[in-house]
Structures are given as structure tokens and as C-alpha cells.
C-alpha atoms as a PDB file:
ATOM      1  CA  UNK A   1      86.760 102.087  90.532  1.00  0.00           C
ATOM      2  CA  UNK A   2      90.429 101.703  89.226  1.00  0.00           C
ATOM      3  CA  UNK A   3      92.459  99.746  91.633  1.00  0.00           C
ATOM      4  CA  UNK A   4      95.185 101.246  93.651  1.00  0.00           C
ATOM      5  CA  UNK A   5      98.712 100.840  92.136  1.00  0.00           C
ATOM      6  CA  UNK A   6     100.302 100.702  95.550  1.00  0.00           C
ATOM      7  CA  UNK A   7      97.891  97.811  96.303  1.00  0.00           C
ATOM      8  CA  UNK A   8      98.702  96.054  93.189  1.00  0.00           C
ATOM      9  CA  UNK A   9     102.402  96.274  93.920  1.00  0.00           C
ATOM     10  CA  UNK A  10     102.024  94.624  97.077  1.00  0.00           C
ATOM     11  CA  UNK A  11     100.084  92.011  95.955  1.00  0.00           C
ATOM     12  CA  UNK A  12     102.460  91.478  93.277  1.00  0.00           C
ATOM     13  CA  UNK A  13     105.137  91.149  95.892  1.00  0.00           C
ATOM     14  CA  UNK A  14     103.382  88.774  97.887  1.00  0.00           C
ATOM     15  CA  UNK A  15     102.947  86.556  94.920  1.00  0.00           C
ATOM     16  CA  UNK A  16     106.626  86.697  94.555  1.00  0.00           C
ATOM     17  CA  UNK A  17     107.578  85.978  98.038  1.00  0.00           C
ATOM     18  CA  UNK A  18     104.981  83.111  98.282  1.00  0.00           C
ATOM     19  CA  UNK A  19     106.658  81.444  95.158  1.00  0.00           C
ATOM     20  CA  UNK A  20     110.150  81.948  96.753  1.00  0.00           C
ATOM     21  CA  UNK A  21     108.824  80.749 100.234  1.00  0.00           C
ATOM     22  CA  UNK A  22     110.057  83.856 101.889  1.00  0.00           C
ATOM     23  CA  UNK A  23     107.100  83.793 104.372  1.00  0.00           C
ATOM     24  CA  UNK A  24     108.168  86.156 106.978  1.00  0.00           C
ATOM     25  CA  UNK A  25     109.476  89.480 105.179  1.00  0.00           C
ATOM     26  CA  UNK A  26     107.144  92.744 105.058  1.00  0.00           C
ATOM     27  CA  UNK A  27     105.653  93.904 101.751  1.00  0.00           C
ATOM     28  CA  UNK A  28     104.857  97.066 102.551  1.00  0.00           C
ATOM     29  CA  UNK A  29     107.029 100.112 102.140  1.00  0.00           C
ATOM     30  CA  UNK A  30     107.983 100.436 105.817  1.00  0.00           C
ATOM     31  CA  UNK A  31     110.010 103.207 107.145  1.00  0.00           C
ATOM     32  CA  UNK A  32     113.802 102.345 107.716  1.00  0.00           C
ATOM     33  CA  UNK A  33     114.096 100.649 111.125  1.00  0.00           C
ATOM     34  CA  UNK A  34     116.063 102.751 113.853  1.00  0.00           C
ATOM     35  CA  UNK A  35     117.619 100.476 116.516  1.00  0.00           C
ATOM     36  CA  UNK A  36     115.580 100.369 119.881  1.00  0.00           C
ATOM     37  CA  UNK A  37     117.937 101.161 122.676  1.00  0.00           C
ATOM     38  CA  UNK A  38     116.731 100.087 126.329  1.00  0.00           C
ATOM     39  CA  UNK A  39     116.413 103.325 127.746  1.00  0.00           C
ATOM     40  CA  UNK A  40     114.074 104.425 125.320  1.00  0.00           C
ATOM     41  CA  UNK A  41     111.359 102.024 126.196  1.00  0.00           C
ATOM     42  CA  UNK A  42     109.261 101.377 129.380  1.00  0.00           C
ATOM     43  CA  UNK A  43     107.768  98.187 128.396  1.00  0.00           C
ATOM     44  CA  UNK A  44     105.724  97.714 131.441  1.00  0.00           C
ATOM     45  CA  UNK A  45     104.594 101.501 131.447  1.00  0.00           C
ATOM     46  CA  UNK A  46     105.597 102.172 134.960  1.00  0.00           C
ATOM     47  CA  UNK A  47     106.537 105.928 134.523  1.00  0.00           C
ATOM     48  CA  UNK A  48     103.721 108.210 134.854  1.00  0.00           C
ATOM     49  CA  UNK A  49     104.269 109.733 131.434  1.00  0.00           C
ATOM     50  CA  UNK A  50     103.962 106.084 129.815  1.00  0.00           C
ATOM     51  CA  UNK A  51     100.480 105.600 131.513  1.00  0.00           C
ATOM     52  CA  UNK A  52      99.165 108.713 130.368  1.00  0.00           C
ATOM     53  CA  UNK A  53     100.248 108.470 127.001  1.00  0.00           C
ATOM     54  CA  UNK A  54      99.192 104.820 126.809  1.00  0.00           C
ATOM     55  CA  UNK A  55      95.838 106.303 127.829  1.00  0.00           C
ATOM     56  CA  UNK A  56      95.507 108.794 125.394  1.00  0.00           C
ATOM     57  CA  UNK A  57      96.782 106.130 122.622  1.00  0.00           C
ATOM     58  CA  UNK A  58      94.043 103.484 123.572  1.00  0.00           C
ATOM     59  CA  UNK A  59      91.314 106.234 123.264  1.00  0.00           C
ATOM     60  CA  UNK A  60      92.684 107.374 119.807  1.00  0.00           C
ATOM     61  CA  UNK A  61      92.704 103.940 118.701  1.00  0.00           C
ATOM     62  CA  UNK A  62      89.704 102.646 119.845  1.00  0.00           C
ATOM     63  CA  UNK A  63      87.832 105.822 118.144  1.00  0.00           C
ATOM     64  CA  UNK A  64      89.898 105.460 114.929  1.00  0.00           C
ATOM     65  CA  UNK A  65      89.142 101.681 114.547  1.00  0.00           C
ATOM     66  CA  UNK A  66      85.506 102.235 115.706  1.00  0.00           C
ATOM     67  CA  UNK A  67      85.081 105.022 113.264  1.00  0.00           C
ATOM     68  CA  UNK A  68      86.125 102.441 110.554  1.00  0.00           C
ATOM     69  CA  UNK A  69      83.627  99.938 111.752  1.00  0.00           C
ATOM     70  CA  UNK A  70      80.601 102.861 111.851  1.00  0.00           C
ATOM     71  CA  UNK A  71      81.302 103.701 108.085  1.00  0.00           C
ATOM     72  CA  UNK A  72      81.838  99.737 107.094  1.00  0.00           C
ATOM     73  CA  UNK A  73      85.382 100.303 106.322  1.00  0.00           C
ATOM     74  CA  UNK A  74      86.054  97.378 108.904  1.00  0.00           C
ATOM     75  CA  UNK A  75      83.487  94.531 108.891  1.00  0.00           C
ATOM     76  CA  UNK A  76      83.656  91.968 111.617  1.00  0.00           C
ATOM     77  CA  UNK A  77      81.021  89.597 110.890  1.00  0.00           C
ATOM     78  CA  UNK A  78      81.328  86.871 113.511  1.00  0.00           C
ATOM     79  CA  UNK A  79      83.296  85.789 116.363  1.00  0.00           C
ATOM     80  CA  UNK A  80      83.418  81.813 116.706  1.00  0.00           C
ATOM     81  CA  UNK A  81      84.748  79.868 119.752  1.00  0.00           C
ATOM     82  CA  UNK A  82      84.714  82.735 122.473  1.00  0.00           C
ATOM     83  CA  UNK A  83      84.548  79.771 125.083  1.00  0.00           C
ATOM     84  CA  UNK A  84      87.956  78.846 123.962  1.00  0.00           C
ATOM     85  CA  UNK A  85      89.328  82.186 124.945  1.00  0.00           C
ATOM     86  CA  UNK A  86      87.497  82.339 128.213  1.00  0.00           C
ATOM     87  CA  UNK A  87      88.873  78.761 129.073  1.00  0.00           C
ATOM     88  CA  UNK A  88      92.218  80.471 130.270  1.00  0.00           C
ATOM     89  CA  UNK A  89      91.533  82.867 133.360  1.00  0.00           C
ATOM     90  CA  UNK A  90      95.563  83.558 133.962  1.00  0.00           C
ATOM     91  CA  UNK A  91      98.247  84.798 131.011  1.00  0.00           C
ATOM     92  CA  UNK A  92      98.386  83.450 127.922  1.00  0.00           C
ATOM     93  CA  UNK A  93      99.760  84.172 124.408  1.00  0.00           C
ATOM     94  CA  UNK A  94      97.391  84.633 121.408  1.00  0.00           C
ATOM     95  CA  UNK A  95      98.486  83.807 118.075  1.00  0.00           C
ATOM     96  CA  UNK A  96      96.664  85.265 114.926  1.00  0.00           C
ATOM     97  CA  UNK A  97      97.500  85.540 111.391  1.00  0.00           C
ATOM     98  CA  UNK A  98      98.679  88.913 110.244  1.00  0.00           C
ATOM     99  CA  UNK A  99      96.934  90.605 107.268  1.00  0.00           C
ATOM    100  CA  UNK A 100      95.894  94.150 108.159  1.00  0.00           C
ATOM    101  CA  UNK A 101      96.741  96.904 110.601  1.00  0.00           C
ATOM    102  CA  UNK A 102      93.264  96.236 111.941  1.00  0.00           C
ATOM    103  CA  UNK A 103      93.469  92.574 112.883  1.00  0.00           C
ATOM    104  CA  UNK A 104      94.725  93.353 116.508  1.00  0.00           C
ATOM    105  CA  UNK A 105      91.723  95.404 116.841  1.00  0.00           C
ATOM    106  CA  UNK A 106      89.348  92.708 115.831  1.00  0.00           C
ATOM    107  CA  UNK A 107      90.849  90.299 118.430  1.00  0.00           C
ATOM    108  CA  UNK A 108      90.654  92.998 121.142  1.00  0.00           C
ATOM    109  CA  UNK A 109      87.060  93.987 120.333  1.00  0.00           C
ATOM    110  CA  UNK A 110      86.029  90.435 120.557  1.00  0.00           C
ATOM    111  CA  UNK A 111      87.478  90.030 124.095  1.00  0.00           C
ATOM    112  CA  UNK A 112      87.522  93.389 125.903  1.00  0.00           C
ATOM    113  CA  UNK A 113      84.028  93.009 127.507  1.00  0.00           C
ATOM    114  CA  UNK A 114      85.752  90.004 129.266  1.00  0.00           C
ATOM    115  CA  UNK A 115      89.065  91.656 130.008  1.00  0.00           C
ATOM    116  CA  UNK A 116      88.159  93.786 133.213  1.00  0.00           C
ATOM    117  CA  UNK A 117      90.611  96.481 133.341  1.00  0.00           C
ATOM    118  CA  UNK A 118      93.341  94.456 131.706  1.00  0.00           C
ATOM    119  CA  UNK A 119      94.553  95.318 127.908  1.00  0.00           C
ATOM    120  CA  UNK A 120      95.468  93.562 125.139  1.00  0.00           C
ATOM    121  CA  UNK A 121      99.427  93.691 124.644  1.00  0.00           C
ATOM    122  CA  UNK A 122     100.558  93.507 121.276  1.00  0.00           C
ATOM    123  CA  UNK A 123     104.230  91.979 120.202  1.00  0.00           C
ATOM    124  CA  UNK A 124     105.269  94.511 117.063  1.00  0.00           C
ATOM    125  CA  UNK A 125     108.385  95.175 114.789  1.00  0.00           C
ATOM    126  CA  UNK A 126     111.136  97.397 116.015  1.00  0.00           C
ATOM    127  CA  UNK A 127     110.639  99.669 113.197  1.00  0.00           C
ATOM    128  CA  UNK A 128     107.137 100.034 113.840  1.00  0.00           C
ATOM    129  CA  UNK A 129     108.011 101.518 117.556  1.00  0.00           C
ATOM    130  CA  UNK A 130     111.024 103.448 116.394  1.00  0.00           C
ATOM    131  CA  UNK A 131     110.473 104.914 113.016  1.00  0.00           C
ATOM    132  CA  UNK A 132     106.725 105.218 111.984  1.00  0.00           C
ATOM    133  CA  UNK A 133     104.355 108.133 110.695  1.00  0.00           C
ATOM    134  CA  UNK A 134     103.399 110.749 113.251  1.00  0.00           C
ATOM    135  CA  UNK A 135      99.978 109.989 114.813  1.00  0.00           C
ATOM    136  CA  UNK A 136      99.975 106.424 113.728  1.00  0.00           C
ATOM    137  CA  UNK A 137     103.469 106.052 115.672  1.00  0.00           C
ATOM    138  CA  UNK A 138     102.201 107.740 118.733  1.00  0.00           C
ATOM    139  CA  UNK A 139      99.589 104.888 118.714  1.00  0.00           C
ATOM    140  CA  UNK A 140     101.772 102.292 117.948  1.00  0.00           C
ATOM    141  CA  UNK A 141     104.548 103.356 120.661  1.00  0.00           C
ATOM    142  CA  UNK A 142     101.898 103.823 123.405  1.00  0.00           C
ATOM    143  CA  UNK A 143      99.011 101.120 122.779  1.00  0.00           C
ATOM    144  CA  UNK A 144     100.476  98.564 125.159  1.00  0.00           C
ATOM    145  CA  UNK A 145     102.678  97.351 122.519  1.00  0.00           C
ATOM    146  CA  UNK A 146     105.846  95.531 123.074  1.00  0.00           C
ATOM    147  CA  UNK A 147     108.405  95.915 120.365  1.00  0.00           C
ATOM    148  CA  UNK A 148     111.107  93.332 119.668  1.00  0.00           C
ATOM    149  CA  UNK A 149     114.719  94.785 118.984  1.00  0.00           C
ATOM    150  CA  UNK A 150     118.041  93.847 117.525  1.00  0.00           C
ATOM    151  CA  UNK A 151     119.723  95.251 120.455  1.00  0.00           C
ATOM    152  CA  UNK A 152     120.675  92.544 122.856  1.00  0.00           C
ATOM    153  CA  UNK A 153     120.003  94.453 126.104  1.00  0.00           C
ATOM    154  CA  UNK A 154     116.799  95.733 124.821  1.00  0.00           C
ATOM    155  CA  UNK A 155     115.771  92.136 124.206  1.00  0.00           C
ATOM    156  CA  UNK A 156     116.719  90.963 127.590  1.00  0.00           C
ATOM    157  CA  UNK A 157     114.463  93.970 128.873  1.00  0.00           C
ATOM    158  CA  UNK A 158     111.750  92.574 126.549  1.00  0.00           C
ATOM    159  CA  UNK A 159     111.860  89.043 127.828  1.00  0.00           C
ATOM    160  CA  UNK A 160     111.801  90.010 131.304  1.00  0.00           C
ATOM    161  CA  UNK A 161     108.762  92.252 130.945  1.00  0.00           C
ATOM    162  CA  UNK A 162     107.170  89.857 129.068  1.00  0.00           C
ATOM    163  CA  UNK A 163     107.395  87.137 131.756  1.00  0.00           C
ATOM    164  CA  UNK A 164     106.018  89.841 134.324  1.00  0.00           C
ATOM    165  CA  UNK A 165     102.772  90.497 132.239  1.00  0.00           C
ATOM    166  CA  UNK A 166     102.018  86.865 131.755  1.00  0.00           C
ATOM    167  CA  UNK A 167     102.911  86.086 135.133  1.00  0.00           C
ATOM    168  CA  UNK A 168     100.207  88.485 136.281  1.00  0.00           C
ATOM    169  CA  UNK A 169      97.532  87.286 133.743  1.00  0.00           C
ATOM    170  CA  UNK A 170      97.991  89.547 131.089  1.00  0.00           C
ATOM    171  CA  UNK A 171      97.272  88.404 127.239  1.00  0.00           C
ATOM    172  CA  UNK A 172      99.823  89.016 125.008  1.00  0.00           C
ATOM    173  CA  UNK A 173      98.949  89.217 121.007  1.00  0.00           C
ATOM    174  CA  UNK A 174     102.073  87.405 119.108  1.00  0.00           C
ATOM    175  CA  UNK A 175     101.849  87.195 115.111  1.00  0.00           C
ATOM    176  CA  UNK A 176     103.875  84.143 114.636  1.00  0.00           C
ATOM    177  CA  UNK A 177     104.037  84.278 110.712  1.00  0.00           C
ATOM    178  CA  UNK A 178     106.190  87.526 111.343  1.00  0.00           C
ATOM    179  CA  UNK A 179     105.469  89.818 108.660  1.00  0.00           C
ATOM    180  CA  UNK A 180     102.102  91.549 107.686  1.00  0.00           C
ATOM    181  CA  UNK A 181     100.742  90.281 104.407  1.00  0.00           C
ATOM    182  CA  UNK A 182      98.061  92.545 103.079  1.00  0.00           C
ATOM    183  CA  UNK A 183      94.677  90.800 103.027  1.00  0.00           C
ATOM    184  CA  UNK A 184      96.421  87.261 102.380  1.00  0.00           C
ATOM    185  CA  UNK A 185      94.180  84.431 103.284  1.00  0.00           C
ATOM    186  CA  UNK A 186      96.614  81.591 103.467  1.00  0.00           C
ATOM    187  CA  UNK A 187      98.128  80.534 106.765  1.00  0.00           C
ATOM    188  CA  UNK A 188     101.745  80.763 106.443  1.00  0.00           C
ATOM    189  CA  UNK A 189     104.403  78.849 108.153  1.00  0.00           C
ATOM    190  CA  UNK A 190     104.893  79.650 111.650  1.00  0.00           C
ATOM    191  CA  UNK A 191     107.843  80.985 113.743  1.00  0.00           C
ATOM    192  CA  UNK A 192     108.860  79.887 116.984  1.00  0.00           C
ATOM    193  CA  UNK A 193     108.966  82.995 118.994  1.00  0.00           C
ATOM    194  CA  UNK A 194     105.272  83.108 120.090  1.00  0.00           C
ATOM    195  CA  UNK A 195     105.701  79.191 121.174  1.00  0.00           C
ATOM    196  CA  UNK A 196     108.901  79.874 122.960  1.00  0.00           C
ATOM    197  CA  UNK A 197     107.329  82.875 125.038  1.00  0.00           C
ATOM    198  CA  UNK A 198     104.610  80.453 126.093  1.00  0.00           C
ATOM    199  CA  UNK A 199     106.865  77.476 126.857  1.00  0.00           C
ATOM    200  CA  UNK A 200     109.232  79.972 128.899  1.00  0.00           C
ATOM    201  CA  UNK A 201     106.878  81.220 130.843  1.00  0.00           C
ATOM    202  CA  UNK A 202     104.633  78.050 131.373  1.00  0.00           C
ATOM    203  CA  UNK A 203     101.591  79.633 129.966  1.00  0.00           C
ATOM    204  CA  UNK A 204      99.137  78.383 127.210  1.00  0.00           C
ATOM    205  CA  UNK A 205      98.867  79.546 123.915  1.00  0.00           C
ATOM    206  CA  UNK A 206      95.090  80.681 122.502  1.00  0.00           C
ATOM    207  CA  UNK A 207      95.169  79.967 118.521  1.00  0.00           C
ATOM    208  CA  UNK A 208      93.235  82.687 116.823  1.00  0.00           C
ATOM    209  CA  UNK A 209      92.706  82.757 113.038  1.00  0.00           C
ATOM    210  CA  UNK A 210      90.777  85.408 110.779  1.00  0.00           C
ATOM    211  CA  UNK A 211      89.178  84.433 107.808  1.00  0.00           C
ATOM    212  CA  UNK A 212      88.112  87.118 104.878  1.00  0.00           C
ATOM    213  CA  UNK A 213      85.381  87.393 102.286  1.00  0.00           C
ATOM    214  CA  UNK A 214      84.750  90.161 100.089  1.00  0.00           C
ATOM    215  CA  UNK A 215      81.449  92.269 100.813  1.00  0.00           C
ATOM    216  CA  UNK A 216      79.655  94.321  98.074  1.00  0.00           C
ATOM    217  CA  UNK A 217      81.460  97.483  99.095  1.00  0.00           C
ATOM    218  CA  UNK A 218      84.630  98.879  97.204  1.00  0.00           C
ATOM    219  CA  UNK A 219      86.934 100.366  99.556  1.00  0.00           C
ATOM    220  CA  UNK A 220      88.897 103.691  98.661  1.00  0.00           C
ATOM    221  CA  UNK A 221      91.756 101.458  97.235  1.00  0.00           C
ATOM    222  CA  UNK A 222      89.342  99.926  94.601  1.00  0.00           C
ATOM    223  CA  UNK A 223      89.328  96.417  96.197  1.00  0.00           C
ATOM    224  CA  UNK A 224      86.282  95.012  98.156  1.00  0.00           C
ATOM    225  CA  UNK A 225      86.171  95.762 101.469  1.00  0.00           C
ATOM    226  CA  UNK A 226      86.655  92.220 103.257  1.00  0.00           C
ATOM    227  CA  UNK A 227      84.135  90.876 105.720  1.00  0.00           C
ATOM    228  CA  UNK A 228      86.097  89.165 108.769  1.00  0.00           C
ATOM    229  CA  UNK A 229      85.241  86.192 110.796  1.00  0.00           C
ATOM    230  CA  UNK A 230      87.383  85.308 113.856  1.00  0.00           C
ATOM    231  CA  UNK A 231      87.801  81.846 115.036  1.00  0.00           C
ATOM    232  CA  UNK A 232      89.486  81.271 118.612  1.00  0.00           C
ATOM    233  CA  UNK A 233      90.330  77.656 119.296  1.00  0.00           C
ATOM    234  CA  UNK A 234      91.018  75.449 122.192  1.00  0.00           C
ATOM    235  CA  UNK A 235      93.867  76.428 124.340  1.00  0.00           C
ATOM    236  CA  UNK A 236      97.542  74.566 123.720  1.00  0.00           C
ATOM    237  CA  UNK A 237      99.328  73.801 127.037  1.00  0.00           C
ATOM    238  CA  UNK A 238     103.141  72.941 127.402  1.00  0.00           C
ATOM    239  CA  UNK A 239     103.527  69.459 128.268  1.00  0.00           C
ATOM    240  CA  UNK A 240     105.730  68.712 131.320  1.00  0.00           C
ATOM    241  CA  UNK A 241     107.143  65.758 129.854  1.00  0.00           C
ATOM    242  CA  UNK A 242     108.569  67.335 126.924  1.00  0.00           C
ATOM    243  CA  UNK A 243     111.857  69.220 126.590  1.00  0.00           C
ATOM    244  CA  UNK A 244     111.401  73.048 125.867  1.00  0.00           C
ATOM    245  CA  UNK A 245     112.610  72.200 122.119  1.00  0.00           C
ATOM    246  CA  UNK A 246     109.928  69.624 121.821  1.00  0.00           C
ATOM    247  CA  UNK A 247     107.217  71.717 123.149  1.00  0.00           C
ATOM    248  CA  UNK A 248     107.958  74.591 121.082  1.00  0.00           C
ATOM    249  CA  UNK A 249     107.418  72.023 117.988  1.00  0.00           C
ATOM    250  CA  UNK A 250     104.483  70.443 119.339  1.00  0.00           C
ATOM    251  CA  UNK A 251     102.423  73.381 120.120  1.00  0.00           C
ATOM    252  CA  UNK A 252     103.364  75.000 116.748  1.00  0.00           C
ATOM    253  CA  UNK A 253     102.380  72.031 114.991  1.00  0.00           C
ATOM    254  CA  UNK A 254      99.032  72.059 116.679  1.00  0.00           C
ATOM    255  CA  UNK A 255      98.480  75.753 116.196  1.00  0.00           C
ATOM    256  CA  UNK A 256      99.373  75.429 112.382  1.00  0.00           C
ATOM    257  CA  UNK A 257      97.178  72.330 111.920  1.00  0.00           C
ATOM    258  CA  UNK A 258      94.085  74.504 113.380  1.00  0.00           C
ATOM    259  CA  UNK A 259      94.862  77.051 110.780  1.00  0.00           C
ATOM    260  CA  UNK A 260      94.861  74.801 107.894  1.00  0.00           C
ATOM    261  CA  UNK A 261      91.838  72.944 108.734  1.00  0.00           C
ATOM    262  CA  UNK A 262      89.980  76.209 109.289  1.00  0.00           C
ATOM    263  CA  UNK A 263      91.396  77.809 105.954  1.00  0.00           C
ATOM    264  CA  UNK A 264      90.253  74.587 104.005  1.00  0.00           C
ATOM    265  CA  UNK A 265      86.956  74.322 105.839  1.00  0.00           C
ATOM    266  CA  UNK A 266      86.193  77.950 105.354  1.00  0.00           C
ATOM    267  CA  UNK A 267      87.243  78.390 101.772  1.00  0.00           C
ATOM    268  CA  UNK A 268      86.570  74.927 100.839  1.00  0.00           C
ATOM    269  CA  UNK A 269      89.790  74.051  99.193  1.00  0.00           C
ATOM    270  CA  UNK A 270      93.060  72.534  99.903  1.00  0.00           C
ATOM    271  CA  UNK A 271      95.941  74.928 100.950  1.00  0.00           C
ATOM    272  CA  UNK A 272      98.291  75.096  98.133  1.00  0.00           C
ATOM    273  CA  UNK A 273     101.106  77.392  97.998  1.00  0.00           C
ATOM    274  CA  UNK A 274     102.100  78.903  94.287  1.00  0.00           C
ATOM    275  CA  UNK A 275     105.281  77.418  92.912  1.00  0.00           C
ATOM    276  CA  UNK A 276     107.764  78.782  90.207  1.00  0.00           C
ATOM    277  CA  UNK A 277     106.748  77.607  86.521  1.00  0.00           C
END
């Protein structure tokens, strides 16, 4: 089957960004980002309309991804280390590499039987909330998502809402690499945000990492469908003897080192990035 020109274009862009060390830039042709104003977001789903939309969005999202799994378009091969996730009874930040729109569902499917009535909250980019395609946009806006924003007042609302969620024992998924790089297997350098959130709210980070391997099936884009293995690692707690800045750097380094070790062990090669010729 001929490979999708769009996917080939994305892979070429990823290659160039890796060479240029522009780790956090998006590679997809996303819609233009519209600024999210504070009166346009109900982060904690306090309104009845928000609760109803959230219920519909979660059901629609589950149906979509479960159909993908049934049709073997999304393959979850194994979950390793779920006992590490279960060590944290209260609020926590979950970090994960970001390579596909389905990676958050892979995490959710692994933990949902242990979550009771709680959901997995997901931090997303502003444009994915304010200006995505129709049905996909409805799900992104209402499926327990926490959009970031360039607007200062909206970010104040985001941070206070995040603190409430973590304080009441919710799990919040953050992609510390930031931009989504399609089917990219290497762990990219991490941003501070996830660790800042954890230190500020005095909660642990639960690192997760997803590895991929080609299946024997070819997707509609002409590329092999990936088989995913999800790893959970020991929670990383803030150290009360360190400053906030020191904690952020320390937790970030521990997290990244775990990802690198897992990458090198699974793929049986040293982590190396492309360099300009």
C-alpha cells in the first residue's frame, strides 16, 4: 500500500525538528489557535451543562477508541508496572510521551478499573480546545480536559483549578515533551510544567512511557499499525529539603532518566539524536 503523503510530510518535519533540537514544536497541520478567555471555560465542570457535555464526550470517546481496539487499529499489547500507579492513593501528575491522539486513552484504559468514579484529567494545548474540528472538538473540549492558554487570567483559573483537582485526589495527565510527534519512539527533553504543577501542589509524579513495535498489519495510511506497551514507574515525590527550583529539576531528571533507560532496554540501542550533516 502506498504511504500517505501527509504522514511522510510529518515524518520529514520530525526529522528536521530533531536535527534542529526544536523539541516542543507541533508537527501536525493544526487549526489556528484562538485565545481562550476565562469566561469560556468551566475547568471543574461545575455547571450542569458542563457535566452533561462531559458525560456525552466520555462516552463518545470511549466508543471511538474501543472500536479502534476491536478493529485492531489500536493495539495495546501489555501494561507493565501497574503496581507503581497503585502506590499513589491521592492526587498525582502522570507524565507520558506524546506521539498519537490515542496515547491518553492507552493510559486511561490501563488505570480505569482502579479509579472508582474518578476520571483521568488531561492537560491540552489551547488550540485543541478553542479551534479543533467538529466532533473531535466536542470530545476535546469536554472529556475532562484542562486547556492551557496564553491569556493570563485564564491561566490563573487553570492553576487554581488544577490545585483543586490534585487536592481532592484526581490524577492529571501532562505531556512534558509538549508537542505531539507522530509515532516518534525516542524520549524528547522534558519541559518544567508537569513538575512545577506537582511541586506546587505537593503531589508526586507518576512517570509513564509507551513503547511501540510494528505489527503485521498495515493501516489506512500505509504504515504498520503499532503495538503499544505501557510502563508505569515508581512515583517521584518532591523533597522537602530542596527548593522548588531544585525539586523541579531533580524530578524532571529522574523522570527522563527512567524514560531513556526504558527506551534503550526495549529497543536495544543507545538513545542518539540526529545531527546536521
